[in-house]
Amino acid sequence: MQIDPKLVTSAVSWVGPTTAATRVPSAGNDQVTLSGAAALEAAYQQTADVRPEAVARGQDALAVPDYPPQVIIQKLSKLLAMQLPKESS
């Protein structure tokens, strides 16, 4: 799929780059608090590496002889074929 970056889809026209106001950083006033990161790390450590419900869902899907459905395979193959480079003759 190719996307034309010059394609205009709205009534708003592009006016070009603008100059943004520059802010001069002040030394010594920056602070960071990472207490949220510690809570996130603790929650991550309590998460199981393997989710049994996801494994069971995958095993159930594999048990179906015609999974994925033929319609899905055909749609995917068409989408993939559209991405192939065109042959030059």
N, C-alpha and C. Protein backbone atom coordinates (compact mmCIF):
# COMPACT_ATOMS: atom_id res chain seq x y z
N MET A 1 0.84 -1.16 0.00
CA MET A 1 0.00 0.00 0.00
C MET A 1 0.89 1.23 0.00
N GLN A 2 0.56 2.19 -0.83
CA GLN A 2 1.33 3.41 -0.89
C GLN A 2 0.44 4.57 -0.47
N ILE A 3 1.00 5.46 0.32
CA ILE A 3 0.27 6.62 0.80
C ILE A 3 0.94 7.85 0.22
N ASP A 4 0.15 8.70 -0.40
CA ASP A 4 0.67 9.93 -0.99
C ASP A 4 0.74 10.98 0.11
N PRO A 5 1.94 11.41 0.53
CA PRO A 5 2.04 12.38 1.61
C PRO A 5 1.55 13.77 1.19
N LYS A 6 1.40 14.02 -0.09
CA LYS A 6 0.95 15.33 -0.56
C LYS A 6 -0.56 15.39 -0.75
N LEU A 7 -1.26 14.32 -0.45
CA LEU A 7 -2.69 14.25 -0.62
C LEU A 7 -3.38 15.16 0.39
N VAL A 8 -4.20 16.06 -0.10
CA VAL A 8 -4.93 16.98 0.77
C VAL A 8 -6.32 16.41 0.98
N THR A 9 -6.69 16.20 2.23
CA THR A 9 -7.99 15.61 2.53
C THR A 9 -8.89 16.54 3.31
N SER A 10 -8.46 17.76 3.56
CA SER A 10 -9.28 18.70 4.30
C SER A 10 -9.21 20.08 3.68
N ALA A 11 -10.07 20.97 4.16
CA ALA A 11 -10.09 22.33 3.65
C ALA A 11 -8.99 23.17 4.25
N VAL A 12 -8.30 22.67 5.25
CA VAL A 12 -7.23 23.42 5.89
C VAL A 12 -5.97 23.28 5.05
N SER A 13 -5.36 24.39 4.74
CA SER A 13 -4.14 24.32 3.94
C SER A 13 -2.92 24.45 4.84
N TRP A 14 -1.86 23.85 4.41
CA TRP A 14 -0.61 23.87 5.16
C TRP A 14 0.07 25.20 4.92
N VAL A 15 0.52 25.87 5.97
CA VAL A 15 1.13 27.18 5.82
C VAL A 15 2.63 27.16 5.97
N GLY A 16 3.19 26.03 6.23
CA GLY A 16 4.65 25.92 6.35
C GLY A 16 5.09 25.87 7.80
N PRO A 17 6.39 25.77 7.98
CA PRO A 17 6.91 25.64 9.34
C PRO A 17 6.71 26.93 10.12
N THR A 18 6.51 26.77 11.42
CA THR A 18 6.36 27.93 12.29
C THR A 18 7.53 27.94 13.25
N THR A 19 7.82 29.10 13.77
CA THR A 19 8.90 29.19 14.75
C THR A 19 8.29 29.13 16.14
N ALA A 20 8.76 28.24 16.93
CA ALA A 20 8.25 28.08 18.28
C ALA A 20 9.08 28.92 19.23
N ALA A 21 8.44 29.37 20.28
CA ALA A 21 9.18 30.13 21.29
C ALA A 21 10.17 29.20 21.98
N THR A 22 11.35 29.68 22.16
CA THR A 22 12.37 28.86 22.82
C THR A 22 12.40 29.19 24.30
N ARG A 23 12.55 28.16 25.09
CA ARG A 23 12.61 28.33 26.54
C ARG A 23 14.03 28.04 27.00
N VAL A 24 14.56 28.92 27.77
CA VAL A 24 15.92 28.74 28.28
C VAL A 24 15.82 27.93 29.57
N PRO A 25 16.47 26.74 29.60
CA PRO A 25 16.40 25.92 30.82
C PRO A 25 17.15 26.59 31.97
N SER A 26 16.57 26.46 33.14
CA SER A 26 17.25 26.99 34.32
C SER A 26 17.97 25.86 35.03
N ALA A 27 19.17 26.12 35.46
CA ALA A 27 20.00 25.09 36.08
C ALA A 27 19.56 24.85 37.52
N GLY A 28 19.51 23.56 37.92
CA GLY A 28 19.29 23.20 39.31
C GLY A 28 17.83 23.10 39.74
N ASN A 29 16.86 23.34 38.86
CA ASN A 29 15.46 23.30 39.26
C ASN A 29 14.75 22.03 38.83
N ASP A 30 15.40 21.15 38.13
CA ASP A 30 14.77 19.93 37.65
C ASP A 30 14.69 18.89 38.76
N GLN A 31 13.52 18.24 38.86
CA GLN A 31 13.32 17.17 39.84
C GLN A 31 12.52 16.07 39.18
N VAL A 32 12.74 14.86 39.64
CA VAL A 32 11.98 13.73 39.15
C VAL A 32 11.62 12.83 40.33
N THR A 33 10.39 12.31 40.30
CA THR A 33 9.94 11.40 41.34
C THR A 33 9.60 10.07 40.68
N LEU A 34 10.22 9.00 41.12
CA LEU A 34 10.03 7.69 40.50
C LEU A 34 9.26 6.72 41.39
N SER A 35 8.43 7.23 42.29
CA SER A 35 7.68 6.32 43.16
C SER A 35 6.69 5.49 42.35
N GLY A 36 6.15 6.05 41.27
CA GLY A 36 5.25 5.29 40.41
C GLY A 36 5.97 4.15 39.71
N ALA A 37 7.24 4.35 39.38
CA ALA A 37 8.01 3.30 38.71
C ALA A 37 8.21 2.11 39.65
N ALA A 38 8.38 2.36 40.93
CA ALA A 38 8.56 1.27 41.89
C ALA A 38 7.29 0.44 41.99
N ALA A 39 6.13 1.11 41.98
CA ALA A 39 4.85 0.38 42.03
C ALA A 39 4.65 -0.43 40.76
N LEU A 40 5.03 0.14 39.63
CA LEU A 40 4.92 -0.58 38.37
C LEU A 40 5.83 -1.80 38.34
N GLU A 41 7.03 -1.65 38.83
CA GLU A 41 7.97 -2.78 38.90
C GLU A 41 7.44 -3.87 39.81
N ALA A 42 6.85 -3.50 40.94
CA ALA A 42 6.29 -4.49 41.87
C ALA A 42 5.13 -5.24 41.21
N ALA A 43 4.27 -4.53 40.48
CA ALA A 43 3.15 -5.18 39.79
C ALA A 43 3.67 -6.12 38.71
N TYR A 44 4.72 -5.72 38.01
CA TYR A 44 5.31 -6.56 36.97
C TYR A 44 5.88 -7.85 37.58
N GLN A 45 6.53 -7.73 38.70
CA GLN A 45 7.12 -8.90 39.35
C GLN A 45 6.05 -9.90 39.80
N GLN A 46 4.84 -9.42 40.06
CA GLN A 46 3.76 -10.31 40.50
C GLN A 46 2.99 -10.92 39.34
N THR A 47 3.27 -10.50 38.13
CA THR A 47 2.60 -11.01 36.95
C THR A 47 3.23 -12.33 36.53
N ALA A 48 2.38 -13.29 36.24
CA ALA A 48 2.87 -14.61 35.83
C ALA A 48 3.50 -14.54 34.44
N ASP A 49 4.54 -15.35 34.21
CA ASP A 49 5.18 -15.40 32.90
C ASP A 49 4.28 -16.07 31.87
N VAL A 50 3.45 -17.00 32.32
CA VAL A 50 2.55 -17.72 31.43
C VAL A 50 1.13 -17.54 31.96
N ARG A 51 0.23 -17.13 31.06
CA ARG A 51 -1.17 -16.98 31.45
C ARG A 51 -1.92 -18.24 31.05
N PRO A 52 -2.35 -19.03 32.02
CA PRO A 52 -3.01 -20.31 31.70
C PRO A 52 -4.25 -20.14 30.82
N GLU A 53 -5.01 -19.06 31.01
CA GLU A 53 -6.22 -18.88 30.18
C GLU A 53 -5.86 -18.63 28.73
N ALA A 54 -4.75 -17.94 28.48
CA ALA A 54 -4.32 -17.70 27.10
C ALA A 54 -3.80 -18.99 26.47
N VAL A 55 -3.10 -19.79 27.24
CA VAL A 55 -2.61 -21.08 26.73
C VAL A 55 -3.79 -21.98 26.40
N ALA A 56 -4.79 -22.02 27.28
CA ALA A 56 -5.97 -22.86 27.04
C ALA A 56 -6.72 -22.40 25.79
N ARG A 57 -6.82 -21.09 25.58
CA ARG A 57 -7.50 -20.57 24.40
C ARG A 57 -6.75 -20.97 23.13
N GLY A 58 -5.42 -20.93 23.17
CA GLY A 58 -4.62 -21.36 22.02
C GLY A 58 -4.75 -22.85 21.74
N GLN A 59 -4.77 -23.64 22.80
CA GLN A 59 -4.94 -25.09 22.63
C GLN A 59 -6.31 -25.42 22.05
N ASP A 60 -7.34 -24.68 22.49
CA ASP A 60 -8.68 -24.90 21.95
C ASP A 60 -8.72 -24.56 20.46
N ALA A 61 -8.04 -23.49 20.07
CA ALA A 61 -8.02 -23.10 18.66
C ALA A 61 -7.29 -24.15 17.83
N LEU A 62 -6.22 -24.72 18.37
CA LEU A 62 -5.48 -25.75 17.63
C LEU A 62 -6.27 -27.04 17.50
N ALA A 63 -7.19 -27.28 18.41
CA ALA A 63 -7.98 -28.50 18.37
C ALA A 63 -9.00 -28.48 17.24
N VAL A 64 -9.34 -27.31 16.74
CA VAL A 64 -10.30 -27.19 15.63
C VAL A 64 -9.55 -27.47 14.34
N PRO A 65 -9.97 -28.50 13.58
CA PRO A 65 -9.20 -28.88 12.39
C PRO A 65 -9.16 -27.82 11.29
N ASP A 66 -10.18 -26.97 11.19
CA ASP A 66 -10.18 -25.97 10.12
C ASP A 66 -9.94 -24.56 10.68
N TYR A 67 -9.04 -24.45 11.63
CA TYR A 67 -8.68 -23.15 12.17
C TYR A 67 -7.36 -22.71 11.58
N PRO A 68 -7.18 -21.54 11.12
CA PRO A 68 -8.18 -20.50 10.96
C PRO A 68 -9.10 -20.80 9.78
N PRO A 69 -10.27 -20.20 9.76
CA PRO A 69 -11.22 -20.47 8.67
C PRO A 69 -10.62 -20.12 7.30
N GLN A 70 -11.07 -20.84 6.29
CA GLN A 70 -10.56 -20.64 4.93
C GLN A 70 -10.78 -19.21 4.46
N VAL A 71 -11.88 -18.60 4.85
CA VAL A 71 -12.17 -17.21 4.45
C VAL A 71 -11.09 -16.27 4.96
N ILE A 72 -10.65 -16.47 6.18
CA ILE A 72 -9.60 -15.63 6.77
C ILE A 72 -8.29 -15.81 6.02
N ILE A 73 -7.96 -17.05 5.69
CA ILE A 73 -6.73 -17.33 4.94
C ILE A 73 -6.77 -16.65 3.58
N GLN A 74 -7.91 -16.70 2.90
CA GLN A 74 -8.04 -16.07 1.59
C GLN A 74 -7.91 -14.55 1.69
N LYS A 75 -8.54 -13.95 2.70
CA LYS A 75 -8.45 -12.50 2.87
C LYS A 75 -7.02 -12.07 3.17
N LEU A 76 -6.35 -12.83 4.02
CA LEU A 76 -4.96 -12.51 4.33
C LEU A 76 -4.06 -12.65 3.11
N SER A 77 -4.30 -13.70 2.32
CA SER A 77 -3.47 -13.90 1.13
C SER A 77 -3.67 -12.78 0.13
N LYS A 78 -4.89 -12.26 0.01
CA LYS A 78 -5.14 -11.13 -0.89
C LYS A 78 -4.43 -9.88 -0.39
N LEU A 79 -4.50 -9.64 0.91
CA LEU A 79 -3.81 -8.47 1.47
C LEU A 79 -2.31 -8.57 1.26
N LEU A 80 -1.75 -9.75 1.46
CA LEU A 80 -0.31 -9.94 1.26
C LEU A 80 0.06 -9.80 -0.21
N ALA A 81 -0.77 -10.31 -1.09
CA ALA A 81 -0.48 -10.22 -2.52
C ALA A 81 -0.50 -8.77 -3.00
N MET A 82 -1.32 -7.95 -2.38
CA MET A 82 -1.38 -6.53 -2.75
C MET A 82 -0.07 -5.83 -2.38
N GLN A 83 0.68 -6.37 -1.44
CA GLN A 83 1.93 -5.76 -0.99
C GLN A 83 3.14 -6.20 -1.82
N LEU A 84 2.97 -7.21 -2.67
CA LEU A 84 4.08 -7.67 -3.49
C LEU A 84 4.48 -6.61 -4.49
N PRO A 85 5.79 -6.47 -4.74
CA PRO A 85 6.22 -5.50 -5.76
C PRO A 85 5.74 -5.93 -7.13
N LYS A 86 5.38 -4.94 -7.93
CA LYS A 86 4.91 -5.24 -9.27
C LYS A 86 6.08 -5.66 -10.14
N GLU A 87 5.84 -6.67 -10.97
CA GLU A 87 6.88 -7.17 -11.87
C GLU A 87 6.98 -6.26 -13.08
N SER A 88 8.19 -5.93 -13.45
CA SER A 88 8.39 -5.12 -14.67
C SER A 88 8.66 -6.05 -15.84
N SER A 89 8.04 -5.75 -17.00
CA SER A 89 8.24 -6.63 -18.16
C SER A 89 9.11 -6.02 -19.20
